[in-house]
Amino acid sequence: MGFAFERRRQRLTTFLLACLVALFLSWAVLPATQPARAADEAQSEDNKPKGEQVSMPIHMLKSIGPVMGIILGLLSVSLVALVVLLAMDVRMGDSVPPTFVEDFTDIVNKRRFKEAYELAKNDNSFLARVLTAGMARLQYGLEDARETAMNTVESIKSGKEQLTTYLATIGSLGPLLGLVGTVYSMVGAFRKMADPTIPVNPHEMAETLSHGLVVTMVGIGLAVPAIFCHAFFRNRITHITAETASVADDLLTQMYHNSKPRAGTPASDTRPSTGAIKAAE
């Protein structure tokens, strides 16, 4: 388990560093292109028709600004990182490997219980971790082993659901940050309208409000995939947890009954599970 946790932490660290490097490069390259773009816009300003507006991407970049841009950018990188990590971690084939189930069943049927324990202990899958905890308690009875296994299932499930909680948080923060942008632009527009020395220009009011609405649109656009991914991965975790608990219970029951003495065979030769598990520990 320690090796699996270490490998998972290294994989998480590598991916997050890659995301941060990509974000840094995007923020480093983008401002570098702004002076050239501004110069081109200044040169074409006289040739541009008076009523023509700037393109939507440029308007969105100007509306978001550096502060909201950094905040929304970090949320976007976090969203992508969480989705990729959950996609790699929450998979049925990795949680309940068919090959592991076949090998474990074959070893248990051959009554090589110590080897079965070592197989589960050295595997990194969800099912193997549950079986390792359950087999360690088989010497105290099947019910005690089942209870320990189910507690392990809930513990691992809680750890996986923590990532989905962050997805839900991003889904909630997106619209709230967008609302901040809208309220800020409305405050600016009303301040201009309240100033008697400045004539009210509806075009300027519309421009000011549009900047805030762009931030709201980006925040909602960030929240929609976050909420969808939260529901998707939460349902997948529930399904994988139920399947893991069912398979683990079947394998523990099979191992327990195979460890009972057979007719005409001494108990010391047919019930090796307790000694084997103690030796494996």
Protein backbone atom coordinates (compact mmCIF):
# COMPACT_ATOMS: atom_id res chain seq x y z
CA MET A 1 0.00 0.00 0.00
CA GLY A 2 2.85 2.36 0.75
CA PHE A 3 4.33 1.76 -2.69
CA ALA A 4 0.95 2.42 -4.35
CA PHE A 5 0.50 5.64 -2.40
CA GLU A 6 4.01 6.80 -3.27
CA ARG A 7 3.50 6.08 -6.95
CA ARG A 8 0.17 7.85 -6.95
CA ARG A 9 1.67 10.88 -5.22
CA GLN A 10 4.51 11.03 -7.75
CA ARG A 11 2.04 10.81 -10.60
CA LEU A 12 -0.10 13.58 -9.10
CA THR A 13 2.93 15.80 -8.53
CA THR A 14 4.19 15.31 -12.08
CA PHE A 15 0.82 16.09 -13.62
CA LEU A 16 0.26 19.20 -11.50
CA LEU A 17 3.74 20.49 -12.34
CA ALA A 18 3.02 19.98 -16.03
CA CYS A 19 -0.25 21.90 -15.68
CA LEU A 20 1.47 24.75 -13.85
CA VAL A 21 4.20 24.93 -16.50
CA ALA A 22 1.57 25.06 -19.22
CA LEU A 23 -0.29 27.81 -17.37
CA PHE A 24 2.93 29.78 -16.86
CA LEU A 25 3.86 29.49 -20.52
CA SER A 26 0.42 30.60 -21.61
CA TRP A 27 0.58 33.66 -19.37
CA ALA A 28 4.16 34.37 -20.43
CA VAL A 29 3.59 34.02 -24.17
CA LEU A 30 0.22 35.75 -24.29
CA PRO A 31 1.38 39.11 -22.91
CA ALA A 32 4.38 39.00 -25.24
CA THR A 33 2.05 38.95 -28.22
CA GLN A 34 -0.08 41.80 -26.90
CA PRO A 35 2.26 44.69 -27.89
CA ALA A 36 2.49 43.45 -31.46
CA ARG A 37 -1.25 42.96 -31.59
CA ALA A 38 -1.82 46.41 -30.11
CA ALA A 39 0.50 47.92 -32.71
CA ASP A 40 -1.36 46.19 -35.51
CA GLU A 41 -4.67 47.39 -34.11
CA ALA A 42 -3.31 50.94 -33.84
CA GLN A 43 -2.15 50.85 -37.45
CA SER A 44 -5.48 49.58 -38.68
CA GLU A 45 -7.51 51.91 -36.46
CA ASP A 46 -7.72 54.60 -39.14
CA ASN A 47 -8.64 52.14 -41.86
CA LYS A 48 -11.28 50.39 -39.73
CA PRO A 49 -14.88 51.50 -40.09
CA LYS A 50 -16.04 53.60 -37.19
CA GLY A 51 -18.83 51.27 -36.06
CA GLU A 52 -16.85 48.02 -36.28
CA GLN A 53 -16.26 46.17 -33.01
CA VAL A 54 -13.24 44.16 -31.88
CA SER A 55 -13.36 40.40 -32.17
CA MET A 56 -14.95 38.36 -29.39
CA PRO A 57 -11.72 36.65 -28.17
CA ILE A 58 -9.96 40.02 -27.78
CA HIS A 59 -12.99 41.47 -26.03
CA MET A 60 -13.07 38.49 -23.64
CA LEU A 61 -9.36 38.84 -22.83
CA LYS A 62 -9.80 42.53 -22.07
CA SER A 63 -12.93 41.87 -20.01
CA ILE A 64 -11.44 39.15 -17.82
CA GLY A 65 -8.35 41.14 -16.92
CA PRO A 66 -5.22 39.93 -15.11
CA VAL A 67 -6.73 39.30 -11.67
CA MET A 68 -9.78 37.31 -12.74
CA GLY A 69 -7.68 35.74 -15.48
CA ILE A 70 -5.26 34.26 -12.95
CA ILE A 71 -8.07 33.04 -10.67
CA LEU A 72 -10.12 31.49 -13.45
CA GLY A 73 -6.96 30.07 -15.02
CA LEU A 74 -5.99 28.32 -11.81
CA LEU A 75 -9.50 26.92 -11.47
CA SER A 76 -9.36 25.68 -15.05
CA VAL A 77 -6.03 23.95 -14.50
CA SER A 78 -7.31 22.42 -11.27
CA LEU A 79 -10.42 21.17 -13.03
CA VAL A 80 -8.42 19.51 -15.79
CA ALA A 81 -6.01 17.97 -13.26
CA LEU A 82 -8.84 16.55 -11.14
CA VAL A 83 -10.66 15.11 -14.14
CA VAL A 84 -7.50 13.42 -15.45
CA LEU A 85 -6.61 12.01 -12.03
CA LEU A 86 -10.11 10.64 -11.49
CA ALA A 87 -10.19 9.20 -15.00
CA MET A 88 -6.94 7.32 -14.30
CA ASP A 89 -7.91 6.24 -10.78
CA VAL A 90 -11.61 5.41 -11.03
CA ARG A 91 -11.65 2.55 -13.52
CA MET A 92 -13.36 -0.79 -13.09
CA GLY A 93 -10.53 -2.72 -14.73
CA ASP A 94 -8.00 -1.28 -12.30
CA SER A 95 -10.20 -1.51 -9.21
CA VAL A 96 -11.37 -5.11 -9.80
CA PRO A 97 -8.80 -6.67 -12.17
CA PRO A 98 -10.20 -9.84 -13.79
CA THR A 99 -6.74 -11.40 -13.95
CA PHE A 100 -6.22 -10.88 -10.22
CA VAL A 101 -9.60 -12.43 -9.42
CA GLU A 102 -8.81 -15.51 -11.53
CA ASP A 103 -5.36 -15.97 -10.03
CA PHE A 104 -6.60 -15.47 -6.48
CA THR A 105 -9.47 -17.93 -6.95
CA ASP A 106 -7.17 -20.55 -8.44
CA ILE A 107 -4.66 -20.21 -5.59
CA VAL A 108 -7.37 -20.41 -2.93
CA ASN A 109 -8.90 -23.50 -4.55
CA LYS A 110 -5.46 -25.09 -4.35
CA ARG A 111 -5.43 -24.18 -0.64
CA ARG A 112 -2.25 -22.14 -0.86
CA PHE A 113 -3.46 -19.47 1.52
CA LYS A 114 -0.14 -17.83 2.29
CA GLU A 115 0.49 -17.38 -1.41
CA ALA A 116 -3.01 -15.89 -1.83
CA TYR A 117 -2.29 -13.40 0.96
CA GLU A 118 1.01 -12.40 -0.61
CA LEU A 119 -0.68 -11.98 -3.98
CA ALA A 120 -3.26 -9.59 -2.50
CA LYS A 121 -0.69 -7.75 -0.40
CA ASN A 122 1.57 -7.06 -3.38
CA ASP A 123 -1.24 -5.86 -5.63
CA ASN A 124 -2.27 -2.19 -5.74
CA SER A 125 -5.90 -2.52 -6.81
CA PHE A 126 -8.97 -1.55 -4.78
CA LEU A 127 -10.03 -5.19 -4.44
CA ALA A 128 -6.60 -6.37 -3.32
CA ARG A 129 -6.40 -3.77 -0.55
CA VAL A 130 -9.83 -4.82 0.74
CA LEU A 131 -8.92 -8.52 0.62
CA THR A 132 -5.64 -7.90 2.44
CA ALA A 133 -7.48 -6.23 5.32
CA GLY A 134 -10.15 -8.93 5.42
CA MET A 135 -7.78 -11.90 5.28
CA ALA A 136 -5.82 -10.53 8.20
CA ARG A 137 -8.95 -11.04 10.33
CA LEU A 138 -10.06 -14.45 9.02
CA GLN A 139 -8.49 -16.15 12.03
CA TYR A 140 -11.22 -14.52 14.16
CA GLY A 141 -14.07 -15.71 11.96
CA LEU A 142 -15.77 -14.88 8.70
CA GLU A 143 -18.02 -12.16 10.11
CA ASP A 144 -15.10 -10.29 11.61
CA ALA A 145 -13.24 -10.50 8.30
CA ARG A 146 -16.28 -9.21 6.42
CA GLU A 147 -16.69 -6.28 8.78
CA THR A 148 -13.03 -5.32 8.43
CA ALA A 149 -13.24 -5.59 4.65
CA MET A 150 -16.33 -3.39 4.49
CA ASN A 151 -14.71 -0.79 6.71
CA THR A 152 -11.75 -0.76 4.36
CA VAL A 153 -14.10 -0.33 1.40
CA GLU A 154 -15.69 2.73 2.99
CA SER A 155 -12.29 4.17 3.91
CA ILE A 156 -10.96 3.87 0.35
CA LYS A 157 -14.24 5.19 -1.04
CA SER A 158 -14.00 8.27 1.15
CA GLY A 159 -10.51 8.95 -0.13
CA LYS A 160 -11.67 8.77 -3.74
CA GLU A 161 -14.69 10.97 -3.07
CA GLN A 162 -12.48 13.77 -1.75
CA LEU A 163 -11.41 14.56 -5.31
CA THR A 164 -15.03 14.74 -6.47
CA THR A 165 -15.71 17.19 -3.62
CA TYR A 166 -13.15 19.53 -5.15
CA LEU A 167 -14.99 19.26 -8.47
CA ALA A 168 -18.19 20.33 -6.76
CA THR A 169 -16.33 23.24 -5.16
CA ILE A 170 -15.10 24.44 -8.54
CA GLY A 171 -18.63 24.10 -9.90
CA SER A 172 -19.86 26.38 -7.13
CA LEU A 173 -17.05 28.92 -7.33
CA GLY A 174 -17.33 29.49 -11.08
CA PRO A 175 -20.73 31.24 -11.11
CA LEU A 176 -19.92 33.11 -7.90
CA LEU A 177 -16.75 34.56 -9.41
CA GLY A 178 -18.73 35.45 -12.51
CA LEU A 179 -21.31 37.19 -10.34
CA VAL A 180 -18.52 39.23 -8.75
CA GLY A 181 -17.50 40.42 -12.22
CA THR A 182 -21.07 41.36 -13.11
CA VAL A 183 -21.67 43.25 -9.88
CA TYR A 184 -18.36 45.07 -10.23
CA SER A 185 -19.20 46.22 -13.76
CA MET A 186 -22.68 47.33 -12.69
CA VAL A 187 -21.21 49.34 -9.83
CA GLY A 188 -18.86 51.05 -12.29
CA ALA A 189 -21.70 51.80 -14.71
CA PHE A 190 -23.94 53.26 -12.01
CA ARG A 191 -21.10 55.40 -10.67
CA LYS A 192 -20.72 56.94 -14.10
CA MET A 193 -24.45 57.54 -14.33
CA ALA A 194 -24.48 59.14 -10.87
CA ASP A 195 -21.76 61.64 -11.77
CA PRO A 196 -23.52 64.85 -12.96
CA THR A 197 -20.36 66.19 -14.58
CA ILE A 198 -20.13 63.26 -17.00
CA PRO A 199 -22.76 62.95 -19.73
CA VAL A 200 -24.37 59.55 -19.87
CA ASN A 201 -23.28 57.61 -22.93
CA PRO A 202 -25.34 54.45 -23.47
CA HIS A 203 -22.57 52.95 -25.60
CA GLU A 204 -20.07 53.27 -22.75
CA MET A 205 -22.60 51.83 -20.30
CA ALA A 206 -23.17 48.83 -22.56
CA GLU A 207 -19.43 48.34 -22.97
CA THR A 208 -18.87 48.42 -19.20
CA LEU A 209 -21.66 45.96 -18.50
CA SER A 210 -20.52 43.62 -21.28
CA HIS A 211 -17.13 43.24 -19.57
CA GLY A 212 -18.79 41.97 -16.41
CA LEU A 213 -21.09 39.64 -18.33
CA VAL A 214 -18.08 38.09 -20.05
CA VAL A 215 -16.64 37.14 -16.67
CA THR A 216 -19.99 35.62 -15.73
CA MET A 217 -20.08 33.64 -18.95
CA VAL A 218 -16.59 32.26 -18.36
CA GLY A 219 -17.46 31.34 -14.77
CA ILE A 220 -20.59 29.47 -15.86
CA GLY A 221 -18.65 27.79 -18.65
CA LEU A 222 -16.20 26.55 -16.04
CA ALA A 223 -18.93 25.36 -13.68
CA VAL A 224 -20.88 23.27 -16.21
CA PRO A 225 -18.16 20.64 -16.87
CA ALA A 226 -17.19 20.64 -13.19
CA ILE A 227 -20.75 19.79 -12.08
CA PHE A 228 -21.12 17.16 -14.80
CA CYS A 229 -17.81 15.49 -13.95
CA HIS A 230 -18.68 15.56 -10.25
CA ALA A 231 -21.91 13.63 -10.86
CA PHE A 232 -20.27 11.27 -13.36
CA PHE A 233 -17.32 10.28 -11.20
CA ARG A 234 -19.39 10.10 -8.02
CA ASN A 235 -21.74 7.59 -9.65
CA ARG A 236 -18.78 5.64 -11.01
CA ILE A 237 -17.16 5.48 -7.57
CA THR A 238 -20.43 4.19 -6.09
CA HIS A 239 -20.67 1.50 -8.77
CA ILE A 240 -17.04 0.42 -8.37
CA THR A 241 -17.37 0.36 -4.58
CA ALA A 242 -20.43 -1.89 -4.71
CA GLU A 243 -18.74 -4.25 -7.18
CA THR A 244 -15.55 -4.38 -5.10
CA ALA A 245 -17.47 -5.13 -1.90
CA SER A 246 -19.43 -7.91 -3.61
CA VAL A 247 -16.38 -9.60 -5.14
CA ALA A 248 -14.35 -9.26 -1.93
CA ASP A 249 -17.13 -10.86 0.10
CA ASP A 250 -17.33 -13.80 -2.33
CA LEU A 251 -13.57 -14.36 -2.28
CA LEU A 252 -13.34 -14.14 1.51
CA THR A 253 -16.20 -16.60 1.87
CA GLN A 254 -14.53 -18.96 -0.60
CA MET A 255 -11.23 -18.76 1.24
CA TYR A 256 -12.89 -19.31 4.62
CA HIS A 257 -14.75 -22.44 3.49
CA ASN A 258 -11.70 -23.84 1.70
CA SER A 259 -9.75 -23.48 4.94
CA LYS A 260 -12.10 -25.84 6.79
CA PRO A 261 -10.87 -29.43 7.34
CA ARG A 262 -12.05 -31.91 4.76
CA ALA A 263 -13.47 -35.28 5.68
CA GLY A 264 -10.73 -37.78 6.49
CA THR A 265 -7.96 -35.14 6.56
CA PRO A 266 -6.25 -33.87 9.72
CA ALA A 267 -7.19 -30.31 10.60
CA SER A 268 -3.53 -29.31 10.81
CA ASP A 269 -3.14 -30.11 7.10
CA THR A 270 -6.33 -28.55 5.83
CA ARG A 271 -6.73 -25.35 7.87
CA PRO A 272 -3.60 -23.35 7.11
CA SER A 273 -5.24 -20.00 6.77
CA THR A 274 -4.50 -18.73 10.27
CA GLY A 275 -0.88 -19.79 10.32
CA ALA A 276 -0.32 -18.70 6.75
CA ILE A 277 -1.78 -15.26 7.31
CA LYS A 278 0.21 -14.77 10.50
CA ALA A 279 3.37 -15.78 8.70
CA ALA A 280 2.57 -13.43 5.83
CA GLU A 281 2.05 -10.55 8.24
